Protein backbone atom coordinates (compact mmCIF):
# COMPACT_ATOMS: atom_id res chain seq x y z
CA MET A 1 17.56 -3.95 12.95
CA SER A 2 15.04 -6.75 12.91
CA PRO A 3 13.57 -7.63 9.50
CA TYR A 4 10.10 -7.48 11.03
CA LEU A 5 10.77 -3.97 12.34
CA ARG A 6 11.91 -2.88 8.87
CA LEU A 7 8.74 -4.35 7.39
CA GLN A 8 6.56 -2.57 9.92
CA LEU A 9 8.30 0.73 9.18
CA ALA A 10 7.81 0.16 5.45
CA LEU A 11 4.12 -0.59 5.97
CA LEU A 12 3.77 2.55 8.10
CA PHE A 13 5.44 4.54 5.31
CA ALA A 14 3.01 3.01 2.80
CA ASN A 15 0.05 4.06 4.93
CA VAL A 16 1.37 7.63 5.16
CA VAL A 17 1.82 7.69 1.38
CA PHE A 18 -1.77 6.47 0.94
CA ILE A 19 -3.06 9.24 3.21
CA ALA A 20 -1.09 11.75 1.13
CA ALA A 21 -2.72 10.34 -2.02
CA TRP A 22 -6.14 10.90 -0.43
CA PHE A 23 -5.14 14.44 0.43
CA MET A 24 -4.31 14.97 -3.24
CA ALA A 25 -7.67 13.57 -4.35
CA LEU A 26 -9.70 15.63 -1.91
CA LYS A 27 -7.87 18.97 -2.07
CA ARG A 28 -7.03 18.73 -5.80
CA PRO A 29 -3.97 21.00 -6.00
CA ALA A 30 -2.29 21.65 -9.35
CA GLY A 31 -1.03 18.39 -10.82
CA TRP A 32 -2.97 16.24 -8.38
CA GLN A 33 -3.71 13.50 -10.94
CA TRP A 34 -0.11 12.51 -11.61
CA MET A 35 1.05 13.13 -8.02
CA GLY A 36 -1.83 11.09 -6.64
CA GLY A 37 -1.18 8.33 -9.16
CA ALA A 38 2.51 8.25 -8.29
CA LEU A 39 1.70 8.10 -4.59
CA LEU A 40 -0.77 5.27 -5.19
CA ALA A 41 1.81 3.34 -7.19
CA LEU A 42 4.34 3.79 -4.40
CA PHE A 43 1.73 2.64 -1.88
CA VAL A 44 1.00 -0.53 -3.83
CA VAL A 45 4.67 -1.33 -4.41
CA VAL A 46 5.67 -0.86 -0.78
CA ARG A 47 2.57 -2.36 0.85
CA VAL A 48 1.93 -5.33 -1.39
CA GLY A 49 5.57 -5.91 -2.29
CA GLY A 50 6.62 -5.81 1.35
CA MET A 51 4.01 -8.33 2.41
CA TRP A 52 4.86 -10.73 -0.41
CA LEU A 53 8.58 -10.35 0.26
CA ARG A 54 7.97 -11.27 3.89
CA ALA A 55 5.82 -14.24 2.89
CA ARG A 56 8.58 -15.54 0.60
CA LYS A 57 11.56 -14.91 2.84
CA TYR A 58 9.95 -16.03 6.11
CA PRO A 59 7.36 -18.71 5.37
CA ASP A 60 5.59 -20.36 8.27
CA GLU A 61 4.06 -23.80 8.52
CA ALA A 62 0.50 -22.61 8.95
CA GLY A 63 0.71 -20.32 5.90
CA ARG A 64 -0.32 -17.22 7.83
CA SER A 65 2.19 -14.93 6.16
CA ARG A 66 0.97 -15.99 2.71
CA ARG A 67 -2.66 -15.43 3.71
CA ALA A 68 -1.70 -12.04 5.16
CA ALA A 69 -0.04 -11.14 1.85
CA ILE A 70 -3.16 -12.16 -0.08
CA LEU A 71 -5.39 -10.15 2.25
CA SER A 72 -3.07 -7.14 2.03
CA THR A 73 -3.19 -7.36 -1.77
CA LEU A 74 -6.99 -7.42 -1.78
CA VAL A 75 -7.22 -4.50 0.63
CA ALA A 76 -4.73 -2.49 -1.44
CA VAL A 77 -6.72 -3.15 -4.63
CA LEU A 78 -9.94 -2.05 -2.92
CA ALA A 79 -8.23 1.06 -1.52
CA VAL A 80 -6.89 2.05 -4.93
CA ALA A 81 -10.30 1.42 -6.53
CA LEU A 82 -11.97 3.64 -3.94
CA TRP A 83 -9.38 6.36 -4.56
CA VAL A 84 -9.93 6.19 -8.32
CA TYR A 85 -13.71 6.30 -7.84
CA THR A 86 -13.37 9.35 -5.59
CA ALA A 87 -10.95 11.06 -7.99
CA LEU A 88 -13.28 10.57 -10.97
CA ARG A 89 -16.29 12.07 -9.22
């Protein structure tokens, strides 16, 4: 299996986990705080960690993979902040 295909599958998994965290925040079932927090932590680890792992293992001359990792980190931080804001309301 191609390393890029594995990364894409991991990023897809991270997006599904993030959607599940939003489901927890909006529906608020029993124990939603810790389940949502655990899902968010998994999202950040897989999404951000996967992008930085790719940037380190497969660097390119133009630095696009590093910039993509930085952008992915910023988007993940904003997504988590929006989730926390929604959960606290």
